[in-house]
Protein backbone atom coordinates (compact mmCIF):
# COMPACT_ATOMS: atom_id res chain seq x y z
CA MET A 1 221.93 63.81 249.58
CA ASP A 2 224.77 61.77 251.34
CA ALA A 3 223.79 58.56 253.72
CA GLY A 4 225.93 58.98 256.20
CA PHE A 5 224.81 62.58 256.61
CA VAL A 6 220.87 61.13 256.75
CA ALA A 7 221.47 58.88 259.66
CA THR A 8 223.98 61.45 261.90
CA VAL A 9 220.83 63.22 261.57
CA ALA A 10 218.87 61.16 262.52
CA LEU A 11 220.81 59.27 265.30
CA VAL A 12 220.71 63.60 266.58
CA TYR A 13 217.21 63.65 266.18
CA ALA A 14 216.48 60.76 268.14
CA MET A 15 218.97 61.62 270.83
CA SER A 16 217.92 65.07 271.33
CA ARG A 17 214.36 63.10 272.19
CA ARG A 18 215.92 61.03 274.31
CA ARG A 19 214.95 61.60 278.26
CA PRO A 20 217.54 62.52 280.47
CA ARG A 21 218.80 60.24 282.35
CA ILE A 22 217.70 60.79 286.60
CA VAL A 23 220.32 60.39 288.07
CA ARG A 24 218.62 59.30 291.61
CA ARG A 25 220.73 60.55 294.85
CA CYS A 26 219.55 59.50 298.24
CA TRP A 27 219.69 63.39 299.69
CA VAL A 28 219.09 63.70 303.53
CA HIS A 29 219.15 67.34 305.38
CA THR A 30 222.37 67.71 307.65
CA ILE A 31 219.75 67.74 310.49
CA LEU A 32 218.14 64.55 309.95
CA ARG A 33 221.69 62.87 309.42
CA LYS A 34 222.50 64.61 313.36
CA ARG A 35 219.72 61.88 314.89
CA LEU A 36 221.74 59.87 316.35
CA GLN A 37 223.59 62.11 317.97
CA TRP A 38 220.86 65.09 319.12
CA GLY A 39 217.41 63.71 317.70
CA GLU A 40 215.12 63.04 321.64
CA TYR A 41 215.27 59.71 321.78
CA HIS A 42 219.13 59.32 321.29
CA VAL A 43 219.30 62.00 323.99
CA LEU A 44 216.68 63.64 326.28
CA VAL A 45 214.60 59.97 326.01
CA GLN A 46 217.67 58.20 327.68
CA GLU A 47 218.65 60.83 330.30
CA LEU A 48 214.72 60.39 331.43
CA ARG A 49 215.51 56.41 331.57
CA LEU A 50 217.85 57.59 334.83
CA ASP A 51 214.49 59.69 336.16
CA GLY A 52 210.98 57.70 336.62
CA VAL A 53 208.70 60.62 337.88
CA LEU A 54 210.30 62.16 334.25
CA PHE A 55 209.92 59.27 332.29
CA GLN A 56 205.86 58.51 333.52
CA GLN A 57 205.54 62.85 333.10
CA TYR A 58 206.73 62.33 329.19
CA PHE A 59 204.70 59.15 328.10
CA ARG A 60 202.10 58.43 331.18
CA MET A 61 203.65 55.25 330.74
CA SER A 62 206.55 53.98 333.16
CA LYS A 63 210.02 52.76 332.24
CA ASP A 64 209.12 48.60 333.56
CA ALA A 65 205.32 48.97 330.73
CA PHE A 66 207.72 50.94 327.67
CA ASP A 67 209.69 48.18 328.12
CA GLU A 68 207.56 45.83 328.75
CA LEU A 69 205.31 47.11 325.64
CA LEU A 70 208.01 46.93 322.90
CA GLY A 71 208.78 43.17 323.89
CA LYS A 72 205.59 42.52 322.77
CA VAL A 73 205.27 44.72 319.66
CA GLY A 74 209.50 45.37 318.71
CA PRO A 75 209.19 42.12 316.38
CA LEU A 76 206.28 43.70 314.81
CA ILE A 77 207.70 47.81 313.97
CA ALA A 78 210.87 46.51 313.34
CA LYS A 79 212.42 47.45 309.38
CA ALA A 80 215.13 45.76 307.91
CA ASP A 81 218.29 48.12 307.12
CA THR A 82 218.12 49.17 303.25
CA ARG A 83 221.80 50.22 300.86
CA MET A 84 220.65 53.51 301.02
CA ARG A 85 220.03 54.22 304.91
CA LEU A 86 219.51 52.13 307.86
CA SER A 87 216.23 52.04 309.71
CA ILE A 88 214.40 53.73 312.41
CA GLY A 89 214.73 51.52 315.29
CA PRO A 90 211.56 49.51 317.35
CA ALA A 91 212.50 51.28 320.19
CA GLU A 92 212.60 54.99 318.98
CA ARG A 93 209.83 54.04 316.65
CA LEU A 94 207.29 53.23 319.19
CA ALA A 95 208.80 56.03 321.63
CA ILE A 96 207.81 58.52 318.34
CA CYS A 97 204.28 56.72 318.37
CA LEU A 98 203.74 57.23 322.31
CA ARG A 99 204.65 60.38 322.44
CA TYR A 100 202.61 61.70 319.69
CA LEU A 101 199.26 59.58 322.03
CA ALA A 102 200.92 61.34 325.04
CA THR A 103 200.93 64.61 323.33
CA GLY A 104 198.54 64.92 320.48
CA ASP A 105 200.72 66.99 319.05
CA SER A 106 201.46 67.76 314.72
CA TYR A 107 204.02 65.13 313.44
CA ARG A 108 206.12 68.34 311.98
CA THR A 109 206.94 69.15 315.81
CA ILE A 110 207.22 65.56 317.04
CA ALA A 111 209.51 65.58 313.30
CA PHE A 112 211.86 68.10 314.60
CA SER A 113 213.21 67.01 317.85
CA TYR A 114 212.98 63.13 316.84
CA ARG A 115 215.37 64.54 314.02
CA VAL A 116 213.03 62.62 311.18
CA GLY A 117 210.48 63.02 308.24
CA HIS A 118 207.65 64.60 309.01
CA ALA A 119 205.78 61.67 306.55
CA THR A 120 208.11 59.31 308.13
CA VAL A 121 206.04 60.07 311.53
CA ALA A 122 202.58 60.18 309.83
CA VAL A 123 203.84 56.69 309.02
CA ILE A 124 205.37 55.49 312.16
CA VAL A 125 202.18 56.26 314.39
CA LYS A 126 200.06 54.41 311.55
CA GLU A 127 201.63 51.17 312.11
CA VAL A 128 203.15 50.98 316.03
CA ALA A 129 199.62 51.72 316.90
CA GLY A 130 198.97 49.29 315.01
CA ALA A 131 201.05 46.93 316.05
CA ILE A 132 200.09 47.60 319.61
CA TRP A 133 196.12 46.76 318.86
CA THR A 134 197.42 43.57 317.59
CA ALA A 135 199.94 42.45 320.18
CA LEU A 136 197.23 43.34 323.44
CA VAL A 137 193.99 43.54 321.98
CA GLU A 138 193.23 39.48 322.64
CA GLU A 139 194.81 39.88 325.90
CA THR A 140 193.96 42.91 327.42
CA MET A 141 190.39 43.59 325.74
CA PRO A 142 189.04 40.07 324.98
CA VAL A 143 185.20 39.54 324.01
CA PRO A 144 183.83 38.91 327.70
CA GLN A 145 182.15 35.68 327.78
CA THR A 146 179.17 34.80 330.33
CA GLU A 147 181.71 33.88 332.87
CA ASP A 148 183.31 37.25 333.18
CA TRP A 149 180.04 39.23 332.39
CA ARG A 150 178.88 37.77 335.60
CA ALA A 151 182.86 39.37 337.58
CA ILE A 152 181.28 42.80 335.63
CA ALA A 153 177.77 42.63 337.68
CA ALA A 154 179.12 41.04 341.06
CA GLY A 155 181.62 43.95 341.08
CA PHE A 156 178.29 46.93 340.44
CA GLN A 157 176.46 44.94 343.11
CA GLU A 158 179.27 45.23 345.60
CA ARG A 159 180.71 48.66 344.67
CA TRP A 160 177.87 50.33 343.47
CA ASN A 161 174.98 48.49 344.96
CA PHE A 162 173.55 48.08 341.67
CA PRO A 163 171.79 44.12 340.25
CA ASN A 164 172.59 42.55 337.26
CA CYS A 165 174.63 45.30 335.32
CA VAL A 166 177.04 44.43 333.02
CA GLY A 167 178.72 48.06 332.28
CA ALA A 168 178.08 51.68 331.46
CA ILE A 169 177.89 52.31 327.96
CA ASP A 170 178.45 56.08 326.81
CA GLY A 171 180.01 57.93 323.52
CA LYS A 172 182.54 60.24 323.42
CA HIS A 173 183.20 62.76 320.50
CA VAL A 174 187.17 62.70 319.21
CA VAL A 175 187.44 66.11 316.97
CA ILE A 176 188.88 64.74 314.19
CA GLN A 177 190.35 67.65 310.43
CA ALA A 178 186.87 66.97 308.20
CA PRO A 179 188.73 64.72 305.79
CA ALA A 180 188.11 66.11 302.37
CA ASN A 181 185.56 66.05 300.32
CA SER A 182 182.99 64.02 303.19
CA GLY A 183 180.21 67.42 303.47
CA SER A 184 178.61 67.03 306.86
CA LEU A 185 179.39 63.58 307.44
CA TYR A 186 181.47 64.38 310.32
CA PHE A 187 180.35 67.27 311.13
CA ASN A 188 178.41 67.51 314.88
CA TYR A 189 176.04 68.58 316.93
CA LYS A 190 179.15 70.53 319.03
CA SER A 191 179.59 71.56 315.40
CA SER A 192 182.85 70.68 315.39
CA HIS A 193 184.46 67.41 313.04
CA SER A 194 184.86 63.94 314.93
CA LEU A 195 184.16 60.23 315.09
CA VAL A 196 182.96 58.18 317.55
CA LEU A 197 184.40 56.44 320.39
CA LEU A 198 181.48 54.09 321.95
CA ALA A 199 182.95 52.20 325.50
CA VAL A 200 181.57 50.10 327.80
CA VAL A 201 182.98 50.16 331.35
CA ASP A 202 183.34 48.33 334.35
CA ALA A 203 182.72 49.32 337.95
CA GLU A 204 186.34 50.25 338.13
CA TYR A 205 186.09 52.27 335.14
CA LEU A 206 188.17 50.08 332.84
CA PHE A 207 187.60 49.82 329.60
CA ARG A 208 185.51 46.24 328.47
CA VAL A 209 184.02 47.34 325.02
CA VAL A 210 185.17 49.93 321.88
CA ASP A 211 183.89 50.60 319.24
CA VAL A 212 185.51 53.73 317.22
CA GLY A 213 185.30 54.74 313.91
CA GLY A 214 181.21 55.86 314.63
CA PHE A 215 180.41 59.01 312.00
CA GLY A 216 180.37 62.32 313.98
CA ARG A 217 176.58 63.43 312.84
CA SER A 218 175.87 59.72 313.81
CA SER A 219 174.50 60.20 317.84
CA ASN A 220 175.44 57.81 320.87
CA GLY A 221 172.49 55.96 319.77
CA GLY A 222 173.03 55.48 316.03
CA SER A 223 176.84 54.43 316.81
CA LEU A 224 175.34 51.89 319.28
CA ARG A 225 172.57 50.35 316.24
CA ASN A 226 175.79 50.45 313.67
CA SER A 227 178.62 49.17 315.41
CA ALA A 228 179.50 45.28 315.73
CA PHE A 229 178.75 45.27 320.46
CA GLY A 230 174.89 46.82 318.95
CA GLU A 231 174.11 44.45 316.13
CA SER A 232 175.31 41.43 319.61
CA LEU A 233 173.39 43.06 321.81
CA ARG A 234 170.07 43.19 319.55
CA ASP A 235 170.10 39.78 318.70
CA GLY A 236 171.14 38.24 322.11
CA SER A 237 174.57 37.10 320.47
CA LEU A 238 176.58 38.98 323.74
CA GLN A 239 176.45 35.62 326.22
CA LEU A 240 175.07 37.46 328.65
CA PRO A 241 173.88 35.64 332.19
CA PRO A 242 170.47 33.99 331.74
CA ASP A 243 168.15 36.48 334.05
CA THR A 244 168.02 35.62 337.89
CA VAL A 245 166.25 36.26 341.12
CA HIS A 246 168.13 38.73 343.13
CA PRO A 247 168.66 37.95 346.80
CA ARG A 248 166.62 41.12 348.31
CA SER A 249 164.39 41.21 346.07
CA ARG A 250 162.27 38.22 345.31
CA ALA A 251 159.02 39.67 344.48
CA ALA A 252 160.84 41.23 341.29
CA GLY A 253 161.20 38.23 339.87
CA LEU A 254 163.88 37.30 337.35
CA LEU A 255 165.57 40.55 336.16
CA PRO A 256 167.92 40.07 332.72
CA HIS A 257 171.40 41.78 333.07
CA VAL A 258 171.30 44.83 331.69
CA PHE A 259 174.18 47.92 330.70
CA VAL A 260 173.38 51.34 331.50
CA GLY A 261 173.22 54.61 329.27
CA ASP A 262 172.40 57.80 329.15
CA GLU A 263 169.66 59.51 327.57
CA ALA A 264 171.00 58.94 324.10
CA PHE A 265 170.52 55.57 324.40
CA PRO A 266 167.16 53.57 323.93
CA LEU A 267 165.44 51.72 325.92
CA LEU A 268 166.11 47.82 325.52
CA ASP A 269 165.11 44.75 327.62
CA ASN A 270 168.92 44.55 328.37
CA LEU A 271 169.86 48.84 328.05
CA LEU A 272 168.67 50.73 331.11
CA ARG A 273 168.47 54.51 329.93
CA PRO A 274 166.63 57.17 332.64
CA PHE A 275 163.08 58.34 332.61
CA PRO A 276 161.86 60.89 329.87
CA GLY A 277 162.43 64.54 331.43
CA LEU A 278 158.78 66.28 330.18
CA GLU A 279 159.56 70.46 331.68
CA MET A 280 155.95 71.04 332.05
CA PHE A 281 155.86 68.38 334.48
CA ARG A 282 158.72 70.83 336.93
CA ARG A 283 155.63 74.24 336.72
CA VAL A 284 152.50 74.56 338.32
CA ILE A 285 150.19 73.87 335.86
CA THR A 286 147.34 76.56 335.85
CA THR A 287 144.76 75.41 333.78
CA SER A 288 140.96 74.11 334.49
CA PRO A 289 140.85 70.27 335.78
CA GLU A 290 139.60 69.23 332.93
CA SER A 291 142.62 71.13 330.29
CA ARG A 292 145.08 69.42 332.40
CA VAL A 293 143.36 65.83 332.04
CA MET A 294 143.42 66.65 327.94
CA LYS A 295 147.31 68.52 328.55
CA LEU A 296 147.96 65.62 330.32
CA GLN A 297 147.12 62.59 328.46
CA PRO A 298 149.70 63.45 325.60
CA CYS A 299 152.17 63.76 328.17
CA ALA A 300 151.99 60.15 328.60
CA MET A 301 152.03 58.78 325.88
CA CYS A 302 154.67 61.12 325.20
CA THR A 303 156.51 59.26 327.68
CA TYR A 304 155.88 55.89 326.14
CA GLU A 305 156.70 56.91 322.65
CA GLY A 306 160.04 58.99 324.16
CA SER A 307 161.30 55.92 324.98
CA ASN A 308 162.60 55.33 321.41
CA ASN A 309 159.98 52.83 320.39
CA ALA A 310 160.50 50.53 323.49
CA THR A 311 158.82 47.55 324.05
CA ARG A 312 156.42 46.79 327.22
CA ARG A 313 158.70 44.36 328.37
CA SER A 314 161.33 47.14 328.62
CA ILE A 315 159.74 50.14 330.03
CA GLN A 316 158.25 47.10 332.75
CA LEU A 317 161.87 46.30 333.08
CA ARG A 318 162.97 49.42 334.50
CA GLU A 319 160.06 49.83 336.44
CA THR A 320 161.31 47.13 338.48
CA PHE A 321 164.61 48.16 338.46
CA CYS A 322 163.38 51.39 339.79
CA SER A 323 161.57 49.90 342.38
CA TYR A 324 164.31 48.05 343.53
CA LEU A 325 166.61 50.46 343.67
CA ASN A 326 163.60 52.49 345.41
CA GLU A 327 163.12 50.38 348.07
CA GLU A 328 165.03 47.18 349.14
CA GLY A 329 168.24 48.22 347.31
CA VAL A 330 169.07 51.51 348.40
CA VAL A 331 171.79 52.78 349.34
CA SER A 332 172.56 56.20 351.96
CA TRP A 333 174.31 58.53 349.61
CA GLN A 334 171.59 58.20 346.93
CA HIS A 335 169.37 60.74 347.31
CA LYS A 336 172.16 62.78 348.30
CA VAL A 337 174.09 62.97 343.93
CA VAL A 338 170.98 62.51 342.77
């Protein structure tokens, strides 16, 4: 067989096995190409800048606040242009993120109105939200120090007549779509899936501490136990002010600085929760005196144990605060709202 023929066959076979060359194209839908002309940021948002009220309603933020925030996060969210396309500018990226946070609309809805890809919206929201936290956390929500706790306590004393209170704590279930293969991890008592936002607020309802990310199946107490804040509360590293004697209740002795929460939280030396409520005590007990004693004794034991394994000191401290708030510290309106 002719050698040239064999070589030609081998070449043709080799060419047939070669993968076709992929011609990469930068294809953008016609609708998206008109972003600069008709996208919501370039038309509606610019018009809203002429009306402060409407701008506030659209972003839940004033024009001045928007511009100030842009000045802080702009350098963190700016992207360089490429040979393929122009980047989305920092102001537009911030607008997309804030619009999502203000409305909770789907990524796809915002993508259509801003004329960008819905995957682009997802990336922008994640990156800009992270940049906002990085840029503002130390300025707007620094970890409170001893003097900060004192100032918070002074606010509770002045506004609510509550001594040595350094914050009100509660948890909020933020509903989410269950992540894949997460089982019941995020499934909560309300039969939905959620993350837990744990927050401490001061006397003016301002957030002072937040912890986000607790699994929905966790109670508020469980979320506190697993949070960095809860760990610091337990090990005494929160830098709370020393125990003090209240000027109007010297007989009570030294009182610690405390947080207040609902019955979902444990009773600790620095965390007050309500007294346990027992339905039996709200009804007329019709049994004999001997039987009543037998029933009330275990109830008393349950009341003690129902305080989430609280120490005797924690229980006594709650009694001391309760006595003060119903005697020297009583205010005219408290029995009308309780």
